[in-house]
Protein backbone atom coordinates (compact mmCIF):
# COMPACT_ATOMS: atom_id res chain seq x y z
CA UNK A 1 -4.50 1.00 -9.02
CA UNK A 2 -3.72 -2.70 -9.22
CA UNK A 3 -5.49 -6.03 -9.49
CA UNK A 4 -5.07 -8.45 -6.63
CA UNK A 5 -2.84 -11.22 -8.09
CA UNK A 6 -4.53 -13.80 -5.85
CA UNK A 7 -8.07 -12.60 -6.62
CA UNK A 8 -8.41 -11.12 -10.14
CA UNK A 9 -11.93 -9.83 -9.50
CA UNK A 10 -10.59 -7.49 -6.80
CA UNK A 11 -9.01 -4.13 -7.61
CA UNK A 12 -7.33 -1.69 -5.20
CA UNK A 13 -7.05 2.04 -5.82
CA UNK A 14 -5.46 4.93 -3.95
CA UNK A 15 -6.40 8.58 -3.87
CA UNK A 16 -5.20 12.04 -2.99
CA UNK A 17 -7.77 12.02 -0.18
CA UNK A 18 -5.59 9.45 1.66
CA UNK A 19 -7.86 6.50 0.93
CA UNK A 20 -7.23 2.96 -0.20
CA UNK A 21 -10.35 1.46 -1.77
CA UNK A 22 -11.06 -2.15 -2.66
CA UNK A 23 -13.41 -2.83 -5.53
CA UNK A 24 -15.32 -5.98 -6.44
CA UNK A 25 -15.29 -6.04 -10.23
CA UNK A 26 -18.05 -8.65 -10.45
CA UNK A 27 -20.53 -6.32 -8.73
CA UNK A 28 -18.89 -2.96 -9.43
CA UNK A 29 -19.18 -1.95 -5.77
CA UNK A 30 -16.61 -0.81 -3.26
CA UNK A 31 -15.80 -3.60 -0.80
CA UNK A 32 -14.09 -1.34 1.69
CA UNK A 33 -12.40 2.00 2.11
CA UNK A 34 -9.40 2.43 4.38
CA UNK A 35 -8.69 6.00 5.36
CA UNK A 36 -5.44 6.98 7.07
CA UNK A 37 -6.00 9.68 9.65
CA UNK A 38 -3.79 12.70 9.10
CA UNK A 39 -1.26 13.16 11.86
CA UNK A 40 -0.56 16.72 10.72
CA UNK A 41 -2.94 19.18 9.17
CA UNK A 42 -0.86 19.47 6.02
CA UNK A 43 -2.66 18.72 2.76
CA UNK A 44 0.43 17.15 1.19
CA UNK A 45 0.44 14.42 3.86
CA UNK A 46 -2.95 13.22 2.67
CA UNK A 47 -1.89 12.20 -0.80
CA UNK A 48 -1.33 8.53 -1.60
CA UNK A 49 0.50 7.91 -4.89
CA UNK A 50 0.87 4.24 -5.66
CA UNK A 51 0.31 0.73 -4.39
CA UNK A 52 1.42 -2.83 -4.95
CA UNK A 53 -0.05 -6.12 -3.78
CA UNK A 54 2.04 -8.71 -1.97
CA UNK A 55 2.44 -11.42 -4.59
CA UNK A 56 1.22 -14.99 -4.01
CA UNK A 57 3.84 -17.32 -2.57
CA UNK A 58 5.54 -14.64 -0.46
CA UNK A 59 5.53 -15.15 3.32
CA UNK A 60 3.18 -14.63 5.06
CA UNK A 61 0.83 -16.57 2.81
CA UNK A 62 -2.02 -14.09 2.48
CA UNK A 63 -3.64 -12.29 -0.44
CA UNK A 64 -4.65 -9.28 1.62
CA UNK A 65 -1.52 -7.12 2.01
CA UNK A 66 -0.80 -3.93 0.07
CA UNK A 67 2.18 -1.60 0.13
CA UNK A 68 1.08 2.02 -0.34
CA UNK A 69 3.42 4.93 -1.24
CA UNK A 70 2.80 8.46 0.01
CA UNK A 71 3.74 12.04 -0.77
CA UNK A 72 4.96 12.32 2.82
CA UNK A 73 7.96 10.06 2.06
CA UNK A 74 6.74 6.83 3.58
CA UNK A 75 5.27 3.49 2.65
CA UNK A 76 2.50 1.80 4.58
CA UNK A 77 1.54 -1.85 4.74
CA UNK A 78 -2.24 -2.22 4.62
CA UNK A 79 -4.02 -5.41 5.64
CA UNK A 80 -7.15 -5.21 3.51
CA UNK A 81 -8.84 -8.12 5.32
CA UNK A 82 -8.57 -6.38 8.69
CA UNK A 83 -9.10 -2.93 7.19
CA UNK A 84 -6.11 -1.31 8.83
CA UNK A 85 -2.58 -0.12 8.36
CA UNK A 86 -0.23 -2.57 10.06
CA UNK A 87 3.14 -0.87 9.42
CA UNK A 88 4.46 2.59 8.55
CA UNK A 89 8.00 2.95 7.24
CA UNK A 90 9.38 6.47 6.78
CA UNK A 91 11.97 6.53 4.00
CA UNK A 92 12.69 10.12 2.99
CA UNK A 93 11.49 13.70 3.07
CA UNK A 94 10.78 13.43 -0.67
CA UNK A 95 7.65 12.10 -2.34
CA UNK A 96 7.57 8.32 -2.84
CA UNK A 97 6.22 7.78 -6.36
CA UNK A 98 6.18 4.03 -6.84
CA UNK A 99 6.38 0.76 -4.97
CA UNK A 100 6.65 -2.89 -5.93
CA UNK A 101 6.80 -6.12 -3.97
CA UNK A 102 8.46 -9.45 -4.73
CA UNK A 103 9.88 -12.46 -2.88
CA UNK A 104 12.87 -10.43 -1.64
CA UNK A 105 10.88 -7.52 -0.22
CA UNK A 106 9.56 -4.13 -1.22
CA UNK A 107 11.24 -1.54 -3.41
CA UNK A 108 10.20 2.11 -3.52
CA UNK A 109 11.46 5.05 -5.55
CA UNK A 110 11.29 8.69 -4.61
CA UNK A 111 11.36 12.17 -6.05
CA UNK A 112 15.02 12.59 -5.00
CA UNK A 113 16.03 9.80 -7.46
CA UNK A 114 16.62 7.23 -4.71
CA UNK A 115 15.61 3.59 -4.52
CA UNK A 116 14.77 2.04 -1.17
CA UNK A 117 14.71 -1.68 -0.49
CA UNK A 118 12.68 -2.92 2.47
CA UNK A 119 12.96 -6.49 3.65
CA UNK A 120 9.47 -7.10 4.97
CA UNK A 121 8.50 -9.94 7.27
CA UNK A 122 5.28 -10.08 9.22
CA UNK A 123 4.50 -12.42 12.05
CA UNK A 124 1.34 -14.55 11.88
CA UNK A 125 -0.50 -12.15 14.16
CA UNK A 126 0.00 -9.23 11.73
């Protein structure tokens, strides 16, 4: 889970049920729940391990993008304002355990002891 750096009263969490949930800490309620449909009926594909918010000041200038790491070896870019996954990037056949985002792009690490750097740019349309 991680606080939104541009909105400290908003928290995002991920779960083994393949959900990304946004929480409003002032009310304690879930703002939204984004569920990725399973493309294969394999339980391991449904697990989401980690997330990181796009930091303020990184193009595009929005506070609504998350990078989500999965057991299936991919990262997904989630637009929380639109409630959908905008990009899927397959990295490895190993589990992706962690992800982080800065002005240079996204870094992810996997179970096979590899680091992956992703230069991420999104057009204004998303």
